Amino acid sequence: MSSQSDTLIIPEHVAIIMDGNGRWAADRGLDRTEGHRAGTDAARTVIQTCAEMGVKVLTLYSFSTENWKRPAAEVAALMGLVTEMLPAEHETMQRNGVRFRAIGDLKGLPDDVRQAIRSAEIATRDHSRLLLQVALNYGARQEIVNAAKMLADSVHAGTLDPSEIDEAALSEHLWTAGTPDPDLLIRTGGDMRVSNFLLWQISYAEIIVSDLYWPDFDEAQFKNALAEFSQRQRRFGAV
């Protein structure tokens, strides 16, 4: 008898909108920051599971350009979690062969956060089992606008003919350049929207929405999502 894992189709690239940390904390009478901290445990579990199951790229939506509108204390706590958790996870990432990469408008992040990102990228740059992309200060519309500006600059400089601009050319100027488009997009927390996340890249991603808040999204839930993905028929507009 074959197990569930024997019949799973493993996506090359999984993207996750990790939603519901604040509501998870509120349900338990806790401060929202405790929800974000619990969310890091869920992220660690999913990262390890992806590495073990053969997923090649995992992109986690950690902090959007719109999240700056949240209360200053919550934003500070989120930034503090990045500087606290990244150094602590170096050993785990090395043990699991994980290469870390941050994507987004990194110049807009505090200096200590950018330093923690840089240290993690250097410490894991030789790993190839799983690429972990964490979207920080990320907004897909801004990403596309930035790519368009870079193409326009190249045209203005005479190094690019406008007729050469195609989907591949634009993709090469996105923050995700060099990675395949997501096969599977998972959103926790029950909301049916993509929230300005990878708008260009998820054109043909299969989407799964879980009503569970992110801290409750464990290994079993992730494998259930992979099982559902395995049942999907991906036609890419052909039928």
C-alpha atoms as a PDB file:
ATOM      1  CA  MET A   1       0.000   0.000   0.000  1.00  0.00           C
ATOM      2  CA  SER A   2       1.437   3.391  -0.978  1.00  0.00           C
ATOM      3  CA  SER A   3       1.477   6.288   1.473  1.00  0.00           C
ATOM      4  CA  GLN A   4       0.126   9.747   0.723  1.00  0.00           C
ATOM      5  CA  SER A   5       3.666  11.045   0.188  1.00  0.00           C
ATOM      6  CA  ASP A   6       4.225   8.434  -2.539  1.00  0.00           C
ATOM      7  CA  THR A   7       1.433   9.903  -4.668  1.00  0.00           C
ATOM      8  CA  LEU A   8       2.105  13.597  -4.130  1.00  0.00           C
ATOM      9  CA  ILE A   9       3.139  15.844  -6.991  1.00  0.00           C
ATOM     10  CA  ILE A  10       5.730  18.120  -5.445  1.00  0.00           C
ATOM     11  CA  PRO A  11       5.578  21.717  -6.725  1.00  0.00           C
ATOM     12  CA  GLU A  12       8.898  23.257  -7.649  1.00  0.00           C
ATOM     13  CA  HIS A  13       7.966  26.612  -6.106  1.00  0.00           C
ATOM     14  CA  VAL A  14       5.535  27.212  -3.231  1.00  0.00           C
ATOM     15  CA  ALA A  15       4.534  30.731  -2.175  1.00  0.00           C
ATOM     16  CA  ILE A  16       2.706  31.405   1.091  1.00  0.00           C
ATOM     17  CA  ILE A  17       0.782  34.395   2.432  1.00  0.00           C
ATOM     18  CA  MET A  18       1.220  33.830   6.157  1.00  0.00           C
ATOM     19  CA  ASP A  19      -1.946  35.491   7.467  1.00  0.00           C
ATOM     20  CA  GLY A  20      -3.757  35.374  10.785  1.00  0.00           C
ATOM     21  CA  ASN A  21      -1.030  35.847  13.381  1.00  0.00           C
ATOM     22  CA  GLY A  22      -2.807  38.805  15.005  1.00  0.00           C
ATOM     23  CA  ARG A  23      -6.196  37.077  15.082  1.00  0.00           C
ATOM     24  CA  TRP A  24      -4.586  33.927  16.489  1.00  0.00           C
ATOM     25  CA  ALA A  25      -3.178  36.010  19.354  1.00  0.00           C
ATOM     26  CA  ALA A  26      -6.446  37.906  19.926  1.00  0.00           C
ATOM     27  CA  ASP A  27      -8.369  34.648  20.272  1.00  0.00           C
ATOM     28  CA  ARG A  28      -6.017  33.726  23.098  1.00  0.00           C
ATOM     29  CA  GLY A  29      -6.015  37.114  24.814  1.00  0.00           C
ATOM     30  CA  LEU A  30      -2.402  37.713  23.817  1.00  0.00           C
ATOM     31  CA  ASP A  31      -0.604  40.688  22.329  1.00  0.00           C
ATOM     32  CA  ARG A  32      -0.409  40.605  18.513  1.00  0.00           C
ATOM     33  CA  THR A  33       3.372  40.310  18.692  1.00  0.00           C
ATOM     34  CA  GLU A  34       2.954  36.917  20.384  1.00  0.00           C
ATOM     35  CA  GLY A  35       1.056  35.798  17.314  1.00  0.00           C
ATOM     36  CA  HIS A  36       3.921  36.857  15.078  1.00  0.00           C
ATOM     37  CA  ARG A  37       6.353  34.966  17.297  1.00  0.00           C
ATOM     38  CA  ALA A  38       4.184  31.842  17.103  1.00  0.00           C
ATOM     39  CA  GLY A  39       4.122  32.332  13.347  1.00  0.00           C
ATOM     40  CA  THR A  40       7.895  31.938  13.187  1.00  0.00           C
ATOM     41  CA  ASP A  41       7.521  28.420  14.596  1.00  0.00           C
ATOM     42  CA  ALA A  42       5.057  27.554  11.816  1.00  0.00           C
ATOM     43  CA  ALA A  43       7.454  28.997   9.239  1.00  0.00           C
ATOM     44  CA  ARG A  44      10.307  26.891  10.575  1.00  0.00           C
ATOM     45  CA  THR A  45       8.188  23.744  10.287  1.00  0.00           C
ATOM     46  CA  VAL A  46       7.136  24.467   6.708  1.00  0.00           C
ATOM     47  CA  ILE A  47      10.690  25.357   5.661  1.00  0.00           C
ATOM     48  CA  GLN A  48      12.018  22.060   7.008  1.00  0.00           C
ATOM     49  CA  THR A  49       9.153  20.113   5.415  1.00  0.00           C
ATOM     50  CA  CYS A  50       9.802  21.743   2.039  1.00  0.00           C
ATOM     51  CA  ALA A  51      13.475  20.832   2.238  1.00  0.00           C
ATOM     52  CA  GLU A  52      12.648  17.233   3.125  1.00  0.00           C
ATOM     53  CA  MET A  53      10.002  16.807   0.411  1.00  0.00           C
ATOM     54  CA  GLY A  54      11.961  18.262  -2.494  1.00  0.00           C
ATOM     55  CA  VAL A  55      10.393  21.696  -2.966  1.00  0.00           C
ATOM     56  CA  LYS A  56      13.081  23.827  -4.622  1.00  0.00           C
ATOM     57  CA  VAL A  57      11.818  27.342  -3.851  1.00  0.00           C
ATOM     58  CA  LEU A  58       9.697  28.595  -0.936  1.00  0.00           C
ATOM     59  CA  THR A  59       8.621  32.240  -0.870  1.00  0.00           C
ATOM     60  CA  LEU A  60       7.105  33.590   2.353  1.00  0.00           C
ATOM     61  CA  TYR A  61       5.227  36.903   2.499  1.00  0.00           C
ATOM     62  CA  SER A  62       6.574  38.329   5.729  1.00  0.00           C
ATOM     63  CA  PHE A  63       6.112  42.131   5.602  1.00  0.00           C
ATOM     64  CA  SER A  64       4.374  44.134   2.891  1.00  0.00           C
ATOM     65  CA  THR A  65       4.861  47.758   1.878  1.00  0.00           C
ATOM     66  CA  GLU A  66       1.379  48.371   3.316  1.00  0.00           C
ATOM     67  CA  ASN A  67       2.306  46.918   6.727  1.00  0.00           C
ATOM     68  CA  TRP A  68       4.046  50.166   7.664  1.00  0.00           C
ATOM     69  CA  LYS A  69       0.519  51.488   8.349  1.00  0.00           C
ATOM     70  CA  ARG A  70       0.245  49.217  11.382  1.00  0.00           C
ATOM     71  CA  PRO A  71       0.862  50.598  14.900  1.00  0.00           C
ATOM     72  CA  ALA A  72       4.490  51.629  15.405  1.00  0.00           C
ATOM     73  CA  ALA A  73       4.946  49.213  18.311  1.00  0.00           C
ATOM     74  CA  GLU A  74       3.817  46.259  16.179  1.00  0.00           C
ATOM     75  CA  VAL A  75       6.087  47.267  13.293  1.00  0.00           C
ATOM     76  CA  ALA A  76       9.025  47.601  15.697  1.00  0.00           C
ATOM     77  CA  ALA A  77       8.271  44.167  17.129  1.00  0.00           C
ATOM     78  CA  LEU A  78       8.153  42.642  13.639  1.00  0.00           C
ATOM     79  CA  MET A  79      11.487  44.190  12.714  1.00  0.00           C
ATOM     80  CA  GLY A  80      12.893  42.970  16.016  1.00  0.00           C
ATOM     81  CA  LEU A  81      11.779  39.433  15.216  1.00  0.00           C
ATOM     82  CA  VAL A  82      13.747  39.537  11.976  1.00  0.00           C
ATOM     83  CA  THR A  83      16.963  40.589  13.718  1.00  0.00           C
ATOM     84  CA  GLU A  84      16.379  38.027  16.462  1.00  0.00           C
ATOM     85  CA  MET A  85      15.326  35.038  14.409  1.00  0.00           C
ATOM     86  CA  LEU A  86      17.606  35.206  11.378  1.00  0.00           C
ATOM     87  CA  PRO A  87      20.883  34.732  13.293  1.00  0.00           C
ATOM     88  CA  ALA A  88      19.239  32.028  15.421  1.00  0.00           C
ATOM     89  CA  GLU A  89      18.183  30.112  12.304  1.00  0.00           C
ATOM     90  CA  HIS A  90      21.611  30.002  10.602  1.00  0.00           C
ATOM     91  CA  GLU A  91      22.356  26.541  11.990  1.00  0.00           C
ATOM     92  CA  THR A  92      18.920  25.193  11.049  1.00  0.00           C
ATOM     93  CA  MET A  93      19.235  26.539   7.515  1.00  0.00           C
ATOM     94  CA  GLN A  94      22.692  25.063   7.141  1.00  0.00           C
ATOM     95  CA  ARG A  95      21.572  21.682   8.460  1.00  0.00           C
ATOM     96  CA  ASN A  96      18.708  21.587   5.940  1.00  0.00           C
ATOM     97  CA  GLY A  97      20.692  22.958   2.999  1.00  0.00           C
ATOM     98  CA  VAL A  98      18.599  26.137   2.827  1.00  0.00           C
ATOM     99  CA  ARG A  99      19.815  29.220   0.978  1.00  0.00           C
ATOM    100  CA  PHE A 100      18.262  32.418   2.289  1.00  0.00           C
ATOM    101  CA  ARG A 101      17.326  35.350   0.099  1.00  0.00           C
ATOM    102  CA  ALA A 102      15.310  38.468   0.951  1.00  0.00           C
ATOM    103  CA  ILE A 103      13.226  40.149  -1.741  1.00  0.00           C
ATOM    104  CA  GLY A 104      11.550  43.550  -1.684  1.00  0.00           C
ATOM    105  CA  ASP A 105      12.545  47.177  -1.246  1.00  0.00           C
ATOM    106  CA  LEU A 106      15.323  46.322   1.183  1.00  0.00           C
ATOM    107  CA  LYS A 107      16.683  49.870   1.198  1.00  0.00           C
ATOM    108  CA  GLY A 108      13.582  50.909   3.112  1.00  0.00           C
ATOM    109  CA  LEU A 109      14.342  48.568   6.027  1.00  0.00           C
ATOM    110  CA  PRO A 110      16.200  49.561   9.226  1.00  0.00           C
ATOM    111  CA  ASP A 111      19.976  49.164   9.151  1.00  0.00           C
ATOM    112  CA  ASP A 112      20.050  46.321  11.686  1.00  0.00           C
ATOM    113  CA  VAL A 113      17.469  44.371   9.694  1.00  0.00           C
ATOM    114  CA  ARG A 114      19.463  44.787   6.484  1.00  0.00           C
ATOM    115  CA  GLN A 115      22.590  43.638   8.300  1.00  0.00           C
ATOM    116  CA  ALA A 116      20.813  40.527   9.597  1.00  0.00           C
ATOM    117  CA  ILE A 117      19.600  39.781   6.072  1.00  0.00           C
ATOM    118  CA  ARG A 118      23.057  40.206   4.607  1.00  0.00           C
ATOM    119  CA  SER A 119      24.608  37.930   7.246  1.00  0.00           C
ATOM    120  CA  ALA A 120      22.031  35.194   6.572  1.00  0.00           C
ATOM    121  CA  GLU A 121      22.540  35.440   2.821  1.00  0.00           C
ATOM    122  CA  ILE A 122      26.311  35.144   3.185  1.00  0.00           C
ATOM    123  CA  ALA A 123      26.111  32.272   5.689  1.00  0.00           C
ATOM    124  CA  THR A 124      23.848  30.208   3.412  1.00  0.00           C
ATOM    125  CA  ARG A 125      24.967  31.231  -0.079  1.00  0.00           C
ATOM    126  CA  ASP A 126      26.507  27.854  -0.950  1.00  0.00           C
ATOM    127  CA  HIS A 127      23.383  25.825  -0.138  1.00  0.00           C
ATOM    128  CA  SER A 128      21.249  24.396  -2.921  1.00  0.00           C
ATOM    129  CA  ARG A 129      18.639  22.072  -1.416  1.00  0.00           C
ATOM    130  CA  LEU A 130      15.988  24.791  -0.962  1.00  0.00           C
ATOM    131  CA  LEU A 131      15.903  28.485  -1.796  1.00  0.00           C
ATOM    132  CA  LEU A 132      14.003  30.349   0.904  1.00  0.00           C
ATOM    133  CA  GLN A 133      12.819  33.752  -0.302  1.00  0.00           C
ATOM    134  CA  VAL A 134      11.389  36.000   2.395  1.00  0.00           C
ATOM    135  CA  ALA A 135       9.460  38.995   1.099  1.00  0.00           C
ATOM    136  CA  LEU A 136      10.226  42.004   3.311  1.00  0.00           C
ATOM    137  CA  ASN A 137       8.940  45.497   2.557  1.00  0.00           C
ATOM    138  CA  TYR A 138       7.509  43.863  -0.527  1.00  0.00           C
ATOM    139  CA  GLY A 139       4.754  45.084  -2.841  1.00  0.00           C
ATOM    140  CA  ALA A 140       4.124  43.497  -6.240  1.00  0.00           C
ATOM    141  CA  ARG A 141       2.927  46.689  -7.916  1.00  0.00           C
ATOM    142  CA  GLN A 142       6.076  48.498  -6.802  1.00  0.00           C
ATOM    143  CA  GLU A 143       8.136  45.548  -8.040  1.00  0.00           C
ATOM    144  CA  ILE A 144       6.577  45.765 -11.521  1.00  0.00           C
ATOM    145  CA  VAL A 145       6.942  49.559 -11.654  1.00  0.00           C
ATOM    146  CA  ASN A 146      10.617  49.258 -10.690  1.00  0.00           C
ATOM    147  CA  ALA A 147      11.172  46.687 -13.431  1.00  0.00           C
ATOM    148  CA  ALA A 148       9.473  48.945 -15.995  1.00  0.00           C
ATOM    149  CA  LYS A 149      11.680  51.873 -14.943  1.00  0.00           C
ATOM    150  CA  MET A 150      14.836  49.788 -15.355  1.00  0.00           C
ATOM    151  CA  LEU A 151      13.761  48.736 -18.831  1.00  0.00           C
ATOM    152  CA  ALA A 152      12.990  52.361 -19.685  1.00  0.00           C
ATOM    153  CA  ASP A 153      16.432  53.399 -18.458  1.00  0.00           C
ATOM    154  CA  SER A 154      18.035  50.789 -20.711  1.00  0.00           C
ATOM    155  CA  VAL A 155      16.047  52.039 -23.700  1.00  0.00           C
ATOM    156  CA  HIS A 156      17.014  55.638 -22.906  1.00  0.00           C
ATOM    157  CA  ALA A 157      20.678  54.618 -22.626  1.00  0.00           C
ATOM    158  CA  GLY A 158      20.512  52.916 -26.006  1.00  0.00           C
ATOM    159  CA  THR A 159      21.373  49.467 -24.645  1.00  0.00           C
ATOM    160  CA  LEU A 160      17.911  48.000 -25.230  1.00  0.00           C
ATOM    161  CA  ASP A 161      15.612  48.227 -28.236  1.00  0.00           C
ATOM    162  CA  PRO A 162      11.933  48.598 -27.282  1.00  0.00           C
ATOM    163  CA  SER A 163      11.095  45.721 -29.619  1.00  0.00           C
ATOM    164  CA  GLU A 164      13.193  43.441 -27.387  1.00  0.00           C
ATOM    165  CA  ILE A 165      10.978  44.030 -24.347  1.00  0.00           C
ATOM    166  CA  ASP A 166       8.953  40.882 -23.670  1.00  0.00           C
ATOM    167  CA  GLU A 167       7.774  38.884 -20.676  1.00  0.00           C
ATOM    168  CA  ALA A 168      11.215  37.362 -20.147  1.00  0.00           C
ATOM    169  CA  ALA A 169      12.891  40.779 -20.197  1.00  0.00           C
ATOM    170  CA  LEU A 170      10.542  42.145 -17.567  1.00  0.00           C
ATOM    171  CA  SER A 171      10.863  39.022 -15.415  1.00  0.00           C
ATOM    172  CA  GLU A 172      14.633  39.439 -15.377  1.00  0.00           C
ATOM    173  CA  HIS A 173      14.183  42.809 -13.638  1.00  0.00           C
ATOM    174  CA  LEU A 174      11.819  41.620 -10.917  1.00  0.00           C
ATOM    175  CA  TRP A 175      13.040  40.977  -7.372  1.00  0.00           C
ATOM    176  CA  THR A 176      12.408  37.270  -7.991  1.00  0.00           C
ATOM    177  CA  ALA A 177      14.681  37.169 -11.053  1.00  0.00           C
ATOM    178  CA  GLY A 178      16.283  33.778 -11.561  1.00  0.00           C
ATOM    179  CA  THR A 179      13.532  31.750  -9.880  1.00  0.00           C
ATOM    180  CA  PRO A 180      10.655  29.840 -11.507  1.00  0.00           C
ATOM    181  CA  ASP A 181       7.126  31.156 -11.092  1.00  0.00           C
ATOM    182  CA  PRO A 182       5.176  29.663  -8.167  1.00  0.00           C
ATOM    183  CA  ASP A 183       3.267  26.471  -8.897  1.00  0.00           C
ATOM    184  CA  LEU A 184       1.260  26.729  -5.689  1.00  0.00           C
ATOM    185  CA  LEU A 185       0.097  29.739  -3.668  1.00  0.00           C
ATOM    186  CA  ILE A 186      -1.183  29.048  -0.156  1.00  0.00           C
ATOM    187  CA  ARG A 187      -2.969  31.654   1.932  1.00  0.00           C
ATOM    188  CA  THR A 188      -3.887  31.050   5.561  1.00  0.00           C
ATOM    189  CA  GLY A 189      -6.422  33.009   7.575  1.00  0.00           C
ATOM    190  CA  GLY A 190      -9.364  32.462   5.240  1.00  0.00           C
ATOM    191  CA  ASP A 191      -9.258  35.669   3.204  1.00  0.00           C
ATOM    192  CA  MET A 192      -9.823  35.283  -0.545  1.00  0.00           C
ATOM    193  CA  ARG A 193      -7.330  37.775  -1.925  1.00  0.00           C
ATOM    194  CA  VAL A 194      -3.670  37.891  -2.965  1.00  0.00           C
ATOM    195  CA  SER A 195      -2.815  41.178  -1.209  1.00  0.00           C
ATOM    196  CA  ASN A 196      -0.303  42.610  -3.697  1.00  0.00           C
ATOM    197  CA  PHE A 197       1.878  39.500  -3.562  1.00  0.00           C
ATOM    198  CA  LEU A 198       3.732  38.197  -6.644  1.00  0.00           C
ATOM    199  CA  LEU A 199       1.068  39.560  -9.004  1.00  0.00           C
ATOM    200  CA  TRP A 200       3.173  38.928 -12.108  1.00  0.00           C
ATOM    201  CA  GLN A 201       4.524  35.575 -11.008  1.00  0.00           C
ATOM    202  CA  ILE A 202       1.319  33.804  -9.878  1.00  0.00           C
ATOM    203  CA  SER A 203      -0.470  34.067 -13.238  1.00  0.00           C
ATOM    204  CA  TYR A 204      -0.925  30.284 -13.408  1.00  0.00           C
ATOM    205  CA  ALA A 205      -0.308  29.248  -9.804  1.00  0.00           C
ATOM    206  CA  GLU A 206      -2.819  26.945  -8.173  1.00  0.00           C
ATOM    207  CA  ILE A 207      -4.343  28.730  -5.166  1.00  0.00           C
ATOM    208  CA  ILE A 208      -5.305  27.067  -1.894  1.00  0.00           C
ATOM    209  CA  VAL A 209      -6.882  29.057   0.947  1.00  0.00           C
ATOM    210  CA  SER A 210      -6.907  27.635   4.464  1.00  0.00           C
ATOM    211  CA  ASP A 211      -9.229  28.955   7.174  1.00  0.00           C
ATOM    212  CA  LEU A 212      -6.554  28.170   9.757  1.00  0.00           C
ATOM    213  CA  TYR A 213      -4.496  31.025  11.140  1.00  0.00           C
ATOM    214  CA  TRP A 214      -0.828  30.781  10.217  1.00  0.00           C
ATOM    215  CA  PRO A 215       0.474  29.632  13.653  1.00  0.00           C
ATOM    216  CA  ASP A 216      -1.853  26.609  13.397  1.00  0.00           C
ATOM    217  CA  PHE A 217      -0.693  25.658   9.901  1.00  0.00           C
ATOM    218  CA  ASP A 218       1.499  22.684  10.729  1.00  0.00           C
ATOM    219  CA  GLU A 219       3.266  19.953   8.760  1.00  0.00           C
ATOM    220  CA  ALA A 220       0.072  17.929   8.344  1.00  0.00           C
ATOM    221  CA  GLN A 221      -1.796  20.927   6.970  1.00  0.00           C
ATOM    222  CA  PHE A 222       1.005  21.670   4.532  1.00  0.00           C
ATOM    223  CA  LYS A 223       1.001  18.084   3.291  1.00  0.00           C
ATOM    224  CA  ASN A 224      -2.788  18.293   2.911  1.00  0.00           C
ATOM    225  CA  ALA A 225      -2.260  21.328   0.676  1.00  0.00           C
ATOM    226  CA  LEU A 226       0.242  19.363  -1.402  1.00  0.00           C
ATOM    227  CA  ALA A 227      -2.282  16.531  -1.684  1.00  0.00           C
ATOM    228  CA  GLU A 228      -4.918  18.956  -2.959  1.00  0.00           C
ATOM    229  CA  PHE A 229      -2.401  20.454  -5.387  1.00  0.00           C
ATOM    230  CA  SER A 230      -1.651  16.955  -6.667  1.00  0.00           C
ATOM    231  CA  GLN A 231      -5.316  16.548  -7.626  1.00  0.00           C
ATOM    232  CA  ARG A 232      -5.458  19.759  -9.655  1.00  0.00           C
ATOM    233  CA  GLN A 233      -5.338  19.652 -13.450  1.00  0.00           C
ATOM    234  CA  ARG A 234      -3.029  22.426 -14.600  1.00  0.00           C
ATOM    235  CA  ARG A 235      -4.007  23.442 -18.112  1.00  0.00           C
ATOM    236  CA  PHE A 236      -2.291  26.856 -18.414  1.00  0.00           C
ATOM    237  CA  GLY A 237      -5.143  28.131 -20.561  1.00  0.00           C
ATOM    238  CA  ALA A 238      -4.743  25.368 -23.156  1.00  0.00           C
ATOM    239  CA  VAL A 239      -8.155  23.742 -22.583  1.00  0.00           C
END
